[in-house]
Amino acid sequence: MELLWEITGWAGAAAMLCAYMTVSMGWIKPGTTFQAANLFGSCAFIINGTLHGAWPSVATNVAWFLISAVALLRMRNKQPDAVVEAEPIVVPAYVTTDTGTVPVIPRPAPVANCA
């Protein structure tokens, strides 16, 4: 069973280091993946540190866990940004006639007379 807790500690270390490296190198943005890796890593360190009696490490990782958990909750509760509709792109149509290919210019829709 002790081997399982050692593997847990090393897996937590790997998760946290990989998360830090990928954000620092610009490979991922500091979003949910980063926070989830930190959450997992801190949990693993809390378990490992508790079994080894490494209380400063446990305290640090409890704080790390809380920071990651709050960040994930805030990301989940964040309102989505307003979607801005883009103007449609008008692509001209072309018609082939006896004299060649010419663009078709769309005419504006007639306006009703409201008199």
PDB file of N, CA and C in Angstrom:
ATOM      1  N   MET A   1       0.812  -1.190   0.000  1.00  0.00           N
ATOM      2  CA  MET A   1       0.000   0.000   0.000  1.00  0.00           C
ATOM      3  C   MET A   1       0.864   1.267   0.000  1.00  0.00           C
ATOM      4  N   GLU A   2       2.006   1.191   0.651  1.00  0.00           N
ATOM      5  CA  GLU A   2       2.891   2.349   0.694  1.00  0.00           C
ATOM      6  C   GLU A   2       3.376   2.724  -0.703  1.00  0.00           C
ATOM      7  N   LEU A   3       3.591   1.728  -1.555  1.00  0.00           N
ATOM      8  CA  LEU A   3       4.009   1.992  -2.934  1.00  0.00           C
ATOM      9  C   LEU A   3       2.943   2.806  -3.665  1.00  0.00           C
ATOM     10  N   LEU A   4       1.675   2.505  -3.417  1.00  0.00           N
ATOM     11  CA  LEU A   4       0.586   3.248  -4.049  1.00  0.00           C
ATOM     12  C   LEU A   4       0.638   4.725  -3.666  1.00  0.00           C
ATOM     13  N   TRP A   5       0.918   5.021  -2.390  1.00  0.00           N
ATOM     14  CA  TRP A   5       0.974   6.423  -1.946  1.00  0.00           C
ATOM     15  C   TRP A   5       2.205   7.129  -2.507  1.00  0.00           C
ATOM     16  N   GLU A   6       3.298   6.411  -2.688  1.00  0.00           N
ATOM     17  CA  GLU A   6       4.489   7.001  -3.311  1.00  0.00           C
ATOM     18  C   GLU A   6       4.206   7.328  -4.775  1.00  0.00           C
ATOM     19  N   ILE A   7       3.545   6.393  -5.465  1.00  0.00           N
ATOM     20  CA  ILE A   7       3.184   6.637  -6.870  1.00  0.00           C
ATOM     21  C   ILE A   7       2.231   7.824  -6.961  1.00  0.00           C
ATOM     22  N   THR A   8       1.301   7.930  -6.006  1.00  0.00           N
ATOM     23  CA  THR A   8       0.370   9.063  -5.961  1.00  0.00           C
ATOM     24  C   THR A   8       1.132  10.377  -5.829  1.00  0.00           C
ATOM     25  N   GLY A   9       2.107  10.416  -4.942  1.00  0.00           N
ATOM     26  CA  GLY A   9       2.906  11.630  -4.752  1.00  0.00           C
ATOM     27  C   GLY A   9       3.670  12.014  -6.008  1.00  0.00           C
ATOM     28  N   TRP A  10       4.291  11.018  -6.650  1.00  0.00           N
ATOM     29  CA  TRP A  10       5.049  11.303  -7.873  1.00  0.00           C
ATOM     30  C   TRP A  10       4.120  11.718  -9.021  1.00  0.00           C
ATOM     31  N   ALA A  11       2.933  11.122  -9.095  1.00  0.00           N
ATOM     32  CA  ALA A  11       1.967  11.510 -10.129  1.00  0.00           C
ATOM     33  C   ALA A  11       1.507  12.955  -9.908  1.00  0.00           C
ATOM     34  N   GLY A  12       1.323  13.323  -8.651  1.00  0.00           N
ATOM     35  CA  GLY A  12       0.951  14.709  -8.342  1.00  0.00           C
ATOM     36  C   GLY A  12       2.051  15.684  -8.730  1.00  0.00           C
ATOM     37  N   ALA A  13       3.285  15.304  -8.452  1.00  0.00           N
ATOM     38  CA  ALA A  13       4.414  16.161  -8.823  1.00  0.00           C
ATOM     39  C   ALA A  13       4.487  16.327 -10.343  1.00  0.00           C
ATOM     40  N   ALA A  14       4.315  15.217 -11.049  1.00  0.00           N
ATOM     41  CA  ALA A  14       4.364  15.277 -12.518  1.00  0.00           C
ATOM     42  C   ALA A  14       3.242  16.145 -13.070  1.00  0.00           C
ATOM     43  N   ALA A  15       2.028  16.007 -12.518  1.00  0.00           N
ATOM     44  CA  ALA A  15       0.894  16.805 -12.997  1.00  0.00           C
ATOM     45  C   ALA A  15       1.131  18.291 -12.799  1.00  0.00           C
ATOM     46  N   MET A  16       1.603  18.659 -11.612  1.00  0.00           N
ATOM     47  CA  MET A  16       1.819  20.080 -11.329  1.00  0.00           C
ATOM     48  C   MET A  16       2.963  20.659 -12.153  1.00  0.00           C
ATOM     49  N   LEU A  17       4.040  19.914 -12.298  1.00  0.00           N
ATOM     50  CA  LEU A  17       5.163  20.396 -13.100  1.00  0.00           C
ATOM     51  C   LEU A  17       4.803  20.506 -14.573  1.00  0.00           C
ATOM     52  N   CYS A  18       4.062  19.520 -15.082  1.00  0.00           N
ATOM     53  CA  CYS A  18       3.640  19.580 -16.495  1.00  0.00           C
ATOM     54  C   CYS A  18       2.692  20.751 -16.734  1.00  0.00           C
ATOM     55  N   ALA A  19       1.773  20.969 -15.800  1.00  0.00           N
ATOM     56  CA  ALA A  19       0.848  22.099 -15.939  1.00  0.00           C
ATOM     57  C   ALA A  19       1.614  23.420 -15.950  1.00  0.00           C
ATOM     58  N   TYR A  20       2.538  23.562 -15.024  1.00  0.00           N
ATOM     59  CA  TYR A  20       3.327  24.797 -14.947  1.00  0.00           C
ATOM     60  C   TYR A  20       4.169  24.995 -16.205  1.00  0.00           C
ATOM     61  N   MET A  21       4.798  23.917 -16.686  1.00  0.00           N
ATOM     62  CA  MET A  21       5.639  24.017 -17.877  1.00  0.00           C
ATOM     63  C   MET A  21       4.811  24.378 -19.112  1.00  0.00           C
ATOM     64  N   THR A  22       3.661  23.720 -19.300  1.00  0.00           N
ATOM     65  CA  THR A  22       2.879  23.974 -20.509  1.00  0.00           C
ATOM     66  C   THR A  22       2.314  25.397 -20.543  1.00  0.00           C
ATOM     67  N   VAL A  23       1.943  25.933 -19.387  1.00  0.00           N
ATOM     68  CA  VAL A  23       1.480  27.320 -19.342  1.00  0.00           C
ATOM     69  C   VAL A  23       2.656  28.276 -19.546  1.00  0.00           C
ATOM     70  N   SER A  24       3.777  27.989 -18.905  1.00  0.00           N
ATOM     71  CA  SER A  24       4.950  28.863 -19.008  1.00  0.00           C
ATOM     72  C   SER A  24       5.515  28.908 -20.425  1.00  0.00           C
ATOM     73  N   MET A  25       5.422  27.809 -21.147  1.00  0.00           N
ATOM     74  CA  MET A  25       5.925  27.751 -22.521  1.00  0.00           C
ATOM     75  C   MET A  25       4.906  28.274 -23.531  1.00  0.00           C
ATOM     76  N   GLY A  26       3.689  28.567 -23.052  1.00  0.00           N
ATOM     77  CA  GLY A  26       2.658  29.078 -23.938  1.00  0.00           C
ATOM     78  C   GLY A  26       1.949  27.996 -24.734  1.00  0.00           C
ATOM     79  N   TRP A  27       2.101  26.742 -24.337  1.00  0.00           N
ATOM     80  CA  TRP A  27       1.470  25.639 -25.062  1.00  0.00           C
ATOM     81  C   TRP A  27      -0.014  25.526 -24.739  1.00  0.00           C
ATOM     82  N   ILE A  28      -0.407  25.923 -23.530  1.00  0.00           N
ATOM     83  CA  ILE A  28      -1.823  25.990 -23.163  1.00  0.00           C
ATOM     84  C   ILE A  28      -2.049  27.308 -22.435  1.00  0.00           C
ATOM     85  N   LYS A  29      -3.294  27.706 -22.385  1.00  0.00           N
ATOM     86  CA  LYS A  29      -3.655  28.903 -21.625  1.00  0.00           C
ATOM     87  C   LYS A  29      -3.976  28.491 -20.198  1.00  0.00           C
ATOM     88  N   PRO A  30      -3.793  29.401 -19.240  1.00  0.00           N
ATOM     89  CA  PRO A  30      -4.082  29.048 -17.840  1.00  0.00           C
ATOM     90  C   PRO A  30      -5.576  28.963 -17.576  1.00  0.00           C
ATOM     91  N   GLY A  31      -6.198  27.921 -18.099  1.00  0.00           N
ATOM     92  CA  GLY A  31      -7.637  27.729 -17.955  1.00  0.00           C
ATOM     93  C   GLY A  31      -7.962  26.507 -17.127  1.00  0.00           C
ATOM     94  N   THR A  32      -9.014  25.821 -17.502  1.00  0.00           N
ATOM     95  CA  THR A  32      -9.504  24.692 -16.710  1.00  0.00           C
ATOM     96  C   THR A  32      -8.526  23.522 -16.690  1.00  0.00           C
ATOM     97  N   THR A  33      -7.833  23.263 -17.790  1.00  0.00           N
ATOM     98  CA  THR A  33      -6.868  22.153 -17.806  1.00  0.00           C
ATOM     99  C   THR A  33      -5.759  22.406 -16.796  1.00  0.00           C
ATOM    100  N   PHE A  34      -5.244  23.611 -16.787  1.00  0.00           N
ATOM    101  CA  PHE A  34      -4.186  23.994 -15.857  1.00  0.00           C
ATOM    102  C   PHE A  34      -4.667  23.869 -14.409  1.00  0.00           C
ATOM    103  N   GLN A  35      -5.846  24.397 -14.121  1.00  0.00           N
ATOM    104  CA  GLN A  35      -6.365  24.360 -12.756  1.00  0.00           C
ATOM    105  C   GLN A  35      -6.696  22.934 -12.314  1.00  0.00           C
ATOM    106  N   ALA A  36      -7.223  22.116 -13.219  1.00  0.00           N
ATOM    107  CA  ALA A  36      -7.541  20.725 -12.877  1.00  0.00           C
ATOM    108  C   ALA A  36      -6.270  19.940 -12.567  1.00  0.00           C
ATOM    109  N   ALA A  37      -5.209  20.170 -13.330  1.00  0.00           N
ATOM    110  CA  ALA A  37      -3.933  19.495 -13.056  1.00  0.00           C
ATOM    111  C   ALA A  37      -3.382  19.923 -11.696  1.00  0.00           C
ATOM    112  N   ASN A  38      -3.510  21.199 -11.371  1.00  0.00           N
ATOM    113  CA  ASN A  38      -3.068  21.686 -10.059  1.00  0.00           C
ATOM    114  C   ASN A  38      -3.923  21.108  -8.937  1.00  0.00           C
ATOM    115  N   LEU A  39      -5.214  20.983  -9.170  1.00  0.00           N
ATOM    116  CA  LEU A  39      -6.108  20.407  -8.174  1.00  0.00           C
ATOM    117  C   LEU A  39      -5.731  18.951  -7.904  1.00  0.00           C
ATOM    118  N   PHE A  40      -5.530  18.180  -8.967  1.00  0.00           N
ATOM    119  CA  PHE A  40      -5.127  16.776  -8.807  1.00  0.00           C
ATOM    120  C   PHE A  40      -3.774  16.679  -8.106  1.00  0.00           C
ATOM    121  N   GLY A  41      -2.824  17.480  -8.566  1.00  0.00           N
ATOM    122  CA  GLY A  41      -1.481  17.431  -7.985  1.00  0.00           C
ATOM    123  C   GLY A  41      -1.475  17.784  -6.509  1.00  0.00           C
ATOM    124  N   SER A  42      -2.235  18.803  -6.120  1.00  0.00           N
ATOM    125  CA  SER A  42      -2.263  19.183  -4.708  1.00  0.00           C
ATOM    126  C   SER A  42      -2.923  18.105  -3.859  1.00  0.00           C
ATOM    127  N   CYS A  43      -3.971  17.465  -4.390  1.00  0.00           N
ATOM    128  CA  CYS A  43      -4.604  16.352  -3.654  1.00  0.00           C
ATOM    129  C   CYS A  43      -3.602  15.217  -3.433  1.00  0.00           C
ATOM    130  N   ALA A  44      -2.867  14.894  -4.482  1.00  0.00           N
ATOM    131  CA  ALA A  44      -1.879  13.819  -4.380  1.00  0.00           C
ATOM    132  C   ALA A  44      -0.800  14.171  -3.360  1.00  0.00           C
ATOM    133  N   PHE A  45      -0.346  15.412  -3.356  1.00  0.00           N
ATOM    134  CA  PHE A  45       0.660  15.848  -2.388  1.00  0.00           C
ATOM    135  C   PHE A  45       0.112  15.877  -0.962  1.00  0.00           C
ATOM    136  N   ILE A  46      -1.161  16.218  -0.807  1.00  0.00           N
ATOM    137  CA  ILE A  46      -1.773  16.211   0.530  1.00  0.00           C
ATOM    138  C   ILE A  46      -1.766  14.791   1.086  1.00  0.00           C
ATOM    139  N   ILE A  47      -2.154  13.831   0.260  1.00  0.00           N
ATOM    140  CA  ILE A  47      -2.161  12.421   0.688  1.00  0.00           C
ATOM    141  C   ILE A  47      -0.753  11.963   1.031  1.00  0.00           C
ATOM    142  N   ASN A  48       0.180  12.207   0.127  1.00  0.00           N
ATOM    143  CA  ASN A  48       1.555  11.767   0.326  1.00  0.00           C
ATOM    144  C   ASN A  48       2.188  12.454   1.528  1.00  0.00           C
ATOM    145  N   GLY A  49       1.984  13.767   1.646  1.00  0.00           N
ATOM    146  CA  GLY A  49       2.574  14.512   2.752  1.00  0.00           C
ATOM    147  C   GLY A  49       2.013  14.104   4.099  1.00  0.00           C
ATOM    148  N   THR A  50       0.718  13.810   4.140  1.00  0.00           N
ATOM    149  CA  THR A  50       0.094  13.361   5.388  1.00  0.00           C
ATOM    150  C   THR A  50       0.704  12.036   5.848  1.00  0.00           C
ATOM    151  N   LEU A  51       0.877  11.104   4.924  1.00  0.00           N
ATOM    152  CA  LEU A  51       1.438   9.803   5.284  1.00  0.00           C
ATOM    153  C   LEU A  51       2.895   9.888   5.728  1.00  0.00           C
ATOM    154  N   HIS A  52       3.598  10.904   5.237  1.00  0.00           N
ATOM    155  CA  HIS A  52       5.002  11.088   5.625  1.00  0.00           C
ATOM    156  C   HIS A  52       5.169  12.074   6.774  1.00  0.00           C
ATOM    157  N   GLY A  53       4.083  12.685   7.219  1.00  0.00           N
ATOM    158  CA  GLY A  53       4.170  13.651   8.306  1.00  0.00           C
ATOM    159  C   GLY A  53       4.844  14.949   7.896  1.00  0.00           C
ATOM    160  N   ALA A  54       4.773  15.280   6.623  1.00  0.00           N
ATOM    161  CA  ALA A  54       5.389  16.515   6.103  1.00  0.00           C
ATOM    162  C   ALA A  54       4.338  17.630   6.164  1.00  0.00           C
ATOM    163  N   TRP A  55       4.124  18.149   7.362  1.00  0.00           N
ATOM    164  CA  TRP A  55       3.026  19.080   7.594  1.00  0.00           C
ATOM    165  C   TRP A  55       3.162  20.420   6.875  1.00  0.00           C
ATOM    166  N   PRO A  56       4.355  20.994   6.729  1.00  0.00           N
ATOM    167  CA  PRO A  56       4.437  22.228   5.928  1.00  0.00           C
ATOM    168  C   PRO A  56       3.997  21.996   4.476  1.00  0.00           C
ATOM    169  N   SER A  57       4.373  20.862   3.927  1.00  0.00           N
ATOM    170  CA  SER A  57       3.955  20.521   2.571  1.00  0.00           C
ATOM    171  C   SER A  57       2.442  20.322   2.495  1.00  0.00           C
ATOM    172  N   VAL A  58       1.880  19.672   3.495  1.00  0.00           N
ATOM    173  CA  VAL A  58       0.426  19.462   3.530  1.00  0.00           C
ATOM    174  C   VAL A  58      -0.292  20.806   3.580  1.00  0.00           C
ATOM    175  N   ALA A  59       0.152  21.692   4.453  1.00  0.00           N
ATOM    176  CA  ALA A  59      -0.490  23.012   4.584  1.00  0.00           C
ATOM    177  C   ALA A  59      -0.399  23.798   3.276  1.00  0.00           C
ATOM    178  N   THR A  60       0.762  23.775   2.653  1.00  0.00           N
ATOM    179  CA  THR A  60       0.939  24.477   1.377  1.00  0.00           C
ATOM    180  C   THR A  60       0.005  23.911   0.319  1.00  0.00           C
ATOM    181  N   ASN A  61      -0.107  22.609   0.278  1.00  0.00           N
ATOM    182  CA  ASN A  61      -0.940  21.982  -0.749  1.00  0.00           C
ATOM    183  C   ASN A  61      -2.424  22.091  -0.464  1.00  0.00           C
ATOM    184  N   VAL A  62      -2.817  22.233   0.788  1.00  0.00           N
ATOM    185  CA  VAL A  62      -4.217  22.537   1.095  1.00  0.00           C
ATOM    186  C   VAL A  62      -4.552  23.912   0.521  1.00  0.00           C
ATOM    187  N   ALA A  63      -3.664  24.882   0.719  1.00  0.00           N
ATOM    188  CA  ALA A  63      -3.880  26.216   0.151  1.00  0.00           C
ATOM    189  C   ALA A  63      -3.909  26.141  -1.375  1.00  0.00           C
ATOM    190  N   TRP A  64      -2.983  25.380  -1.957  1.00  0.00           N
ATOM    191  CA  TRP A  64      -2.912  25.211  -3.410  1.00  0.00           C
ATOM    192  C   TRP A  64      -4.224  24.611  -3.930  1.00  0.00           C
ATOM    193  N   PHE A  65      -4.729  23.597  -3.220  1.00  0.00           N
ATOM    194  CA  PHE A  65      -5.988  22.951  -3.574  1.00  0.00           C
ATOM    195  C   PHE A  65      -7.137  23.967  -3.553  1.00  0.00           C
ATOM    196  N   LEU A  66      -7.219  24.759  -2.481  1.00  0.00           N
ATOM    197  CA  LEU A  66      -8.304  25.731  -2.356  1.00  0.00           C
ATOM    198  C   LEU A  66      -8.252  26.781  -3.465  1.00  0.00           C
ATOM    199  N   ILE A  67      -7.044  27.244  -3.784  1.00  0.00           N
ATOM    200  CA  ILE A  67      -6.894  28.229  -4.865  1.00  0.00           C
ATOM    201  C   ILE A  67      -7.387  27.638  -6.183  1.00  0.00           C
ATOM    202  N   SER A  68      -6.973  26.416  -6.485  1.00  0.00           N
ATOM    203  CA  SER A  68      -7.384  25.767  -7.738  1.00  0.00           C
ATOM    204  C   SER A  68      -8.885  25.502  -7.760  1.00  0.00           C
ATOM    205  N   ALA A  69      -9.433  25.050  -6.634  1.00  0.00           N
ATOM    206  CA  ALA A  69     -10.869  24.751  -6.568  1.00  0.00           C
ATOM    207  C   ALA A  69     -11.697  26.019  -6.773  1.00  0.00           C
ATOM    208  N   VAL A  70     -11.312  27.101  -6.124  1.00  0.00           N
ATOM    209  CA  VAL A  70     -12.036  28.364  -6.279  1.00  0.00           C
ATOM    210  C   VAL A  70     -11.914  28.861  -7.722  1.00  0.00           C
ATOM    211  N   ALA A  71     -10.734  28.756  -8.298  1.00  0.00           N
ATOM    212  CA  ALA A  71     -10.544  29.191  -9.690  1.00  0.00           C
ATOM    213  C   ALA A  71     -11.436  28.386 -10.637  1.00  0.00           C
ATOM    214  N   LEU A  72     -11.502  27.066 -10.440  1.00  0.00           N
ATOM    215  CA  LEU A  72     -12.359  26.237 -11.287  1.00  0.00           C
ATOM    216  C   LEU A  72     -13.839  26.593 -11.118  1.00  0.00           C
ATOM    217  N   LEU A  73     -14.257  26.832  -9.886  1.00  0.00           N
ATOM    218  CA  LEU A  73     -15.653  27.226  -9.649  1.00  0.00           C
ATOM    219  C   LEU A  73     -15.977  28.567 -10.300  1.00  0.00           C
ATOM    220  N   ARG A  74     -15.054  29.493 -10.202  1.00  0.00           N
ATOM    221  CA  ARG A  74     -15.274  30.807 -10.820  1.00  0.00           C
ATOM    222  C   ARG A  74     -15.329  30.697 -12.335  1.00  0.00           C
ATOM    223  N   MET A  75     -14.489  29.823 -12.908  1.00  0.00           N
ATOM    224  CA  MET A  75     -14.520  29.629 -14.361  1.00  0.00           C
ATOM    225  C   MET A  75     -15.846  29.006 -14.793  1.00  0.00           C
ATOM    226  N   ARG A  76     -16.346  28.070 -13.988  1.00  0.00           N
ATOM    227  CA  ARG A  76     -17.607  27.405 -14.321  1.00  0.00           C
ATOM    228  C   ARG A  76     -18.782  28.369 -14.223  1.00  0.00           C
ATOM    229  N   ASN A  77     -18.754  29.260 -13.254  1.00  0.00           N
ATOM    230  CA  ASN A  77     -19.857  30.190 -13.038  1.00  0.00           C
ATOM    231  C   ASN A  77     -19.775  31.453 -13.873  1.00  0.00           C
ATOM    232  N   LYS A  78     -18.652  31.652 -14.553  1.00  0.00           N
ATOM    233  CA  LYS A  78     -18.470  32.871 -15.345  1.00  0.00           C
ATOM    234  C   LYS A  78     -19.485  32.902 -16.477  1.00  0.00           C
ATOM    235  N   GLN A  79     -20.089  34.075 -16.647  1.00  0.00           N
ATOM    236  CA  GLN A  79     -21.061  34.247 -17.718  1.00  0.00           C
ATOM    237  C   GLN A  79     -20.329  34.205 -19.055  1.00  0.00           C
ATOM    238  N   PRO A  80     -20.906  33.526 -20.046  1.00  0.00           N
ATOM    239  CA  PRO A  80     -20.262  33.531 -21.359  1.00  0.00           C
ATOM    240  C   PRO A  80     -20.283  34.932 -21.947  1.00  0.00           C
ATOM    241  N   ASP A  81     -19.245  35.259 -22.684  1.00  0.00           N
ATOM    242  CA  ASP A  81     -19.160  36.563 -23.322  1.00  0.00           C
ATOM    243  C   ASP A  81     -20.272  36.690 -24.364  1.00  0.00           C
ATOM    244  N   ALA A  82     -20.709  37.917 -24.564  1.00  0.00           N
ATOM    245  CA  ALA A  82     -21.759  38.162 -25.544  1.00  0.00           C
ATOM    246  C   ALA A  82     -21.250  37.787 -26.932  1.00  0.00           C
ATOM    247  N   VAL A  83     -22.115  37.150 -27.683  1.00  0.00           N
ATOM    248  CA  VAL A  83     -21.760  36.755 -29.038  1.00  0.00           C
ATOM    249  C   VAL A  83     -22.099  37.912 -29.966  1.00  0.00           C
ATOM    250  N   VAL A  84     -21.125  38.340 -30.729  1.00  0.00           N
ATOM    251  CA  VAL A  84     -21.324  39.428 -31.670  1.00  0.00           C
ATOM    252  C   VAL A  84     -21.497  38.821 -33.048  1.00  0.00           C
ATOM    253  N   GLU A  85     -22.615  39.157 -33.669  1.00  0.00           N
ATOM    254  CA  GLU A  85     -22.883  38.640 -35.006  1.00  0.00           C
ATOM    255  C   GLU A  85     -22.054  39.433 -36.011  1.00  0.00           C
ATOM    256  N   ALA A  86     -21.371  38.721 -36.869  1.00  0.00           N
ATOM    257  CA  ALA A  86     -20.570  39.365 -37.906  1.00  0.00           C
ATOM    258  C   ALA A  86     -21.457  39.751 -39.079  1.00  0.00           C
ATOM    259  N   GLU A  87     -21.068  40.798 -39.767  1.00  0.00           N
ATOM    260  CA  GLU A  87     -21.779  41.195 -40.974  1.00  0.00           C
ATOM    261  C   GLU A  87     -21.606  40.099 -42.019  1.00  0.00           C
ATOM    262  N   PRO A  88     -22.672  39.777 -42.734  1.00  0.00           N
ATOM    263  CA  PRO A  88     -22.520  38.739 -43.764  1.00  0.00           C
ATOM    264  C   PRO A  88     -21.616  39.228 -44.883  1.00  0.00           C
ATOM    265  N   ILE A  89     -20.872  38.305 -45.425  1.00  0.00           N
ATOM    266  CA  ILE A  89     -19.986  38.618 -46.538  1.00  0.00           C
ATOM    267  C   ILE A  89     -20.766  38.388 -47.824  1.00  0.00           C
ATOM    268  N   VAL A  90     -20.819  39.406 -48.666  1.00  0.00           N
ATOM    269  CA  VAL A  90     -21.522  39.294 -49.935  1.00  0.00           C
ATOM    270  C   VAL A  90     -20.506  38.945 -50.999  1.00  0.00           C
ATOM    271  N   VAL A  91     -20.717  37.794 -51.605  1.00  0.00           N
ATOM    272  CA  VAL A  91     -19.836  37.350 -52.680  1.00  0.00           C
ATOM    273  C   VAL A  91     -20.560  37.603 -53.985  1.00  0.00           C
ATOM    274  N   PRO A  92     -19.945  38.333 -54.894  1.00  0.00           N
ATOM    275  CA  PRO A  92     -20.644  38.622 -56.148  1.00  0.00           C
ATOM    276  C   PRO A  92     -20.841  37.349 -56.968  1.00  0.00           C
ATOM    277  N   ALA A  93     -21.972  37.303 -57.630  1.00  0.00           N
ATOM    278  CA  ALA A  93     -22.260  36.181 -58.523  1.00  0.00           C
ATOM    279  C   ALA A  93     -21.808  36.557 -59.925  1.00  0.00           C
ATOM    280  N   TYR A  94     -21.510  35.566 -60.717  1.00  0.00           N
ATOM    281  CA  TYR A  94     -21.065  35.797 -62.090  1.00  0.00           C
ATOM    282  C   TYR A  94     -21.952  35.008 -63.035  1.00  0.00           C
ATOM    283  N   VAL A  95     -22.235  35.613 -64.168  1.00  0.00           N
ATOM    284  CA  VAL A  95     -23.033  34.965 -65.202  1.00  0.00           C
ATOM    285  C   VAL A  95     -22.195  34.903 -66.461  1.00  0.00           C
ATOM    286  N   THR A  96     -22.229  33.754 -67.115  1.00  0.00           N
ATOM    287  CA  THR A  96     -21.506  33.609 -68.376  1.00  0.00           C
ATOM    288  C   THR A  96     -22.476  33.878 -69.520  1.00  0.00           C
ATOM    289  N   THR A  97     -22.106  34.827 -70.356  1.00  0.00           N
ATOM    290  CA  THR A  97     -22.930  35.169 -71.526  1.00  0.00           C
ATOM    291  C   THR A  97     -22.117  34.895 -72.779  1.00  0.00           C
ATOM    292  N   ASP A  98     -22.713  35.248 -73.918  1.00  0.00           N
ATOM    293  CA  ASP A  98     -21.996  35.057 -75.191  1.00  0.00           C
ATOM    294  C   ASP A  98     -20.754  35.928 -75.263  1.00  0.00           C
ATOM    295  N   THR A  99     -20.764  37.047 -74.543  1.00  0.00           N
ATOM    296  CA  THR A  99     -19.641  37.974 -74.603  1.00  0.00           C
ATOM    297  C   THR A  99     -18.619  37.731 -73.500  1.00  0.00           C
ATOM    298  N   GLY A 100     -18.856  36.783 -72.598  1.00  0.00           N
ATOM    299  CA  GLY A 100     -17.915  36.482 -71.523  1.00  0.00           C
ATOM    300  C   GLY A 100     -18.616  36.382 -70.176  1.00  0.00           C
ATOM    301  N   THR A 101     -17.798  36.361 -69.141  1.00  0.00           N
ATOM    302  CA  THR A 101     -18.328  36.254 -67.779  1.00  0.00           C
ATOM    303  C   THR A 101     -18.400  37.651 -67.185  1.00  0.00           C
ATOM    304  N   VAL A 102     -19.579  37.994 -66.658  1.00  0.00           N
ATOM    305  CA  VAL A 102     -19.781  39.316 -66.087  1.00  0.00           C
ATOM    306  C   VAL A 102     -20.359  39.177 -64.690  1.00  0.00           C
ATOM    307  N   PRO A 103     -20.035  40.110 -63.780  1.00  0.00           N
ATOM    308  CA  PRO A 103     -20.613  40.036 -62.436  1.00  0.00           C
ATOM    309  C   PRO A 103     -22.074  40.456 -62.440  1.00  0.00           C
ATOM    310  N   VAL A 104     -22.848  39.817 -61.574  1.00  0.00           N
ATOM    311  CA  VAL A 104     -24.245  40.192 -61.398  1.00  0.00           C
ATOM    312  C   VAL A 104     -24.294  41.119 -60.195  1.00  0.00           C
ATOM    313  N   ILE A 105     -24.774  42.322 -60.422  1.00  0.00           N
ATOM    314  CA  ILE A 105     -24.849  43.306 -59.343  1.00  0.00           C
ATOM    315  C   ILE A 105     -26.232  43.213 -58.726  1.00  0.00           C
ATOM    316  N   PRO A 106     -26.295  42.865 -57.423  1.00  0.00           N
ATOM    317  CA  PRO A 106     -27.623  42.746 -56.804  1.00  0.00           C
ATOM    318  C   PRO A 106     -28.298  44.098 -56.693  1.00  0.00           C
ATOM    319  N   ARG A 107     -29.605  44.097 -56.928  1.00  0.00           N
ATOM    320  CA  ARG A 107     -30.379  45.332 -56.828  1.00  0.00           C
ATOM    321  C   ARG A 107     -30.981  45.400 -55.437  1.00  0.00           C
ATOM    322  N   PRO A 108     -31.089  46.596 -54.878  1.00  0.00           N
ATOM    323  CA  PRO A 108     -31.722  46.710 -53.564  1.00  0.00           C
ATOM    324  C   PRO A 108     -33.198  46.323 -53.649  1.00  0.00           C
ATOM    325  N   ALA A 109     -33.706  45.789 -52.550  1.00  0.00           N
ATOM    326  CA  ALA A 109     -35.117  45.404 -52.509  1.00  0.00           C
ATOM    327  C   ALA A 109     -35.990  46.639 -52.603  1.00  0.00           C
ATOM    328  N   PRO A 110     -37.117  46.531 -53.293  1.00  0.00           N
ATOM    329  CA  PRO A 110     -37.989  47.704 -53.398  1.00  0.00           C
ATOM    330  C   PRO A 110     -38.571  48.071 -52.029  1.00  0.00           C
ATOM    331  N   VAL A 111     -38.724  49.353 -51.827  1.00  0.00           N
ATOM    332  CA  VAL A 111     -39.270  49.848 -50.572  1.00  0.00           C
ATOM    333  C   VAL A 111     -40.759  50.118 -50.789  1.00  0.00           C
ATOM    334  N   ALA A 112     -41.590  49.615 -49.879  1.00  0.00           N
ATOM    335  CA  ALA A 112     -43.032  49.820 -50.014  1.00  0.00           C
ATOM    336  C   ALA A 112     -43.389  51.270 -49.739  1.00  0.00           C
ATOM    337  N   ASN A 113     -44.327  51.747 -50.481  1.00  0.00           N
ATOM    338  CA  ASN A 113     -44.787  53.130 -50.313  1.00  0.00           C
ATOM    339  C   ASN A 113     -45.800  53.139 -49.173  1.00  0.00           C
ATOM    340  N   CYS A 114     -45.472  53.837 -48.114  1.00  0.00           N
ATOM    341  CA  CYS A 114     -46.320  53.862 -46.922  1.00  0.00           C
ATOM    342  C   CYS A 114     -47.119  55.144 -46.830  1.00  0.00           C
ATOM    343  N   ALA A 115     -47.471  55.738 -47.946  1.00  0.00           N
ATOM    344  CA  ALA A 115     -48.162  57.015 -47.916  1.00  0.00           C
ATOM    345  C   ALA A 115     -49.599  56.915 -47.593  1.00  0.00           C
TER     346      ALA A 115
END
